[in-house]
Amino acid sequence: MHNSSRNPSTKNGIPWVLVYFCKCESRPEAMKLEKQIKNLGTSRFFEKLKSG
């Protein structure tokens, strides 16, 4: 969906490439994870993943 140019907020980054996937049990859990990623910044989030 992000690569289809339908969403104005994501169409500037086309083509998007999936680099991380995490299945959450619920929407609130997914939203909490998204907030953590955005607060840390993606580069710091991935560094944290690499370090364990």
C-alpha atoms as a PDB file:
ATOM      1  CA  MET A   1       0.000   0.000   0.000  1.00  0.00           C
ATOM      2  CA  HIS A   2       2.848   2.421   0.759  1.00  0.00           C
ATOM      3  CA  ASN A   3       4.300   1.927  -2.719  1.00  0.00           C
ATOM      4  CA  SER A   4       0.987   2.546  -4.513  1.00  0.00           C
ATOM      5  CA  SER A   5       1.203   6.384  -4.137  1.00  0.00           C
ATOM      6  CA  ARG A   6      -2.272   6.487  -2.577  1.00  0.00           C
ATOM      7  CA  ASN A   7      -1.132   7.947   0.738  1.00  0.00           C
ATOM      8  CA  PRO A   8       0.324  11.479   0.509  1.00  0.00           C
ATOM      9  CA  SER A   9       2.425  11.015   3.652  1.00  0.00           C
ATOM     10  CA  THR A  10       4.299   7.990   2.258  1.00  0.00           C
ATOM     11  CA  LYS A  11       4.362   8.628  -1.493  1.00  0.00           C
ATOM     12  CA  ASN A  12       7.608  10.671  -1.338  1.00  0.00           C
ATOM     13  CA  GLY A  13       9.587   7.655  -0.094  1.00  0.00           C
ATOM     14  CA  ILE A  14       8.697   5.267  -2.925  1.00  0.00           C
ATOM     15  CA  PRO A  15       9.913   2.573  -3.305  1.00  0.00           C
ATOM     16  CA  TRP A  16       9.552   1.429   0.309  1.00  0.00           C
ATOM     17  CA  VAL A  17      11.447  -1.683   1.382  1.00  0.00           C
ATOM     18  CA  LEU A  18      10.380  -3.780   4.361  1.00  0.00           C
ATOM     19  CA  VAL A  19      13.361  -4.139   6.723  1.00  0.00           C
ATOM     20  CA  TYR A  20      11.663  -5.221   9.937  1.00  0.00           C
ATOM     21  CA  PHE A  21       8.460  -7.070  10.760  1.00  0.00           C
ATOM     22  CA  CYS A  22       6.970  -7.759  14.157  1.00  0.00           C
ATOM     23  CA  LYS A  23       3.595  -9.384  14.680  1.00  0.00           C
ATOM     24  CA  CYS A  24       1.772  -7.893  17.649  1.00  0.00           C
ATOM     25  CA  GLU A  25      -1.072  -9.530  19.542  1.00  0.00           C
ATOM     26  CA  SER A  26      -3.273  -6.444  19.500  1.00  0.00           C
ATOM     27  CA  ARG A  27      -3.608  -2.995  17.955  1.00  0.00           C
ATOM     28  CA  PRO A  28      -2.739  -1.215  21.240  1.00  0.00           C
ATOM     29  CA  GLU A  29       0.445  -3.295  21.479  1.00  0.00           C
ATOM     30  CA  ALA A  30       1.341  -2.403  17.880  1.00  0.00           C
ATOM     31  CA  MET A  31       0.694   1.289  18.521  1.00  0.00           C
ATOM     32  CA  LYS A  32       2.894   1.165  21.632  1.00  0.00           C
ATOM     33  CA  LEU A  33       5.728  -0.380  19.604  1.00  0.00           C
ATOM     34  CA  GLU A  34       5.316   2.217  16.844  1.00  0.00           C
ATOM     35  CA  LYS A  35       5.503   5.006  19.426  1.00  0.00           C
ATOM     36  CA  GLN A  36       8.712   3.512  20.897  1.00  0.00           C
ATOM     37  CA  ILE A  37      10.278   3.333  17.438  1.00  0.00           C
ATOM     38  CA  LYS A  38       9.320   6.915  16.603  1.00  0.00           C
ATOM     39  CA  ASN A  39      10.520   8.234  19.975  1.00  0.00           C
ATOM     40  CA  LEU A  40      13.886   6.475  19.686  1.00  0.00           C
ATOM     41  CA  GLY A  41      14.346   7.214  16.016  1.00  0.00           C
ATOM     42  CA  THR A  42      14.693   4.389  13.550  1.00  0.00           C
ATOM     43  CA  SER A  43      18.497   4.245  13.578  1.00  0.00           C
ATOM     44  CA  ARG A  44      18.666   4.006  17.383  1.00  0.00           C
ATOM     45  CA  PHE A  45      15.842   1.455  17.379  1.00  0.00           C
ATOM     46  CA  PHE A  46      17.771  -0.796  14.973  1.00  0.00           C
ATOM     47  CA  GLU A  47      20.964  -0.375  16.988  1.00  0.00           C
ATOM     48  CA  LYS A  48      19.040  -1.479  20.057  1.00  0.00           C
ATOM     49  CA  LEU A  49      17.763  -4.550  18.141  1.00  0.00           C
ATOM     50  CA  LYS A  50      21.281  -5.468  17.028  1.00  0.00           C
ATOM     51  CA  SER A  51      22.692  -5.256  20.549  1.00  0.00           C
ATOM     52  CA  GLY A  52      20.080  -7.621  21.905  1.00  0.00           C
END
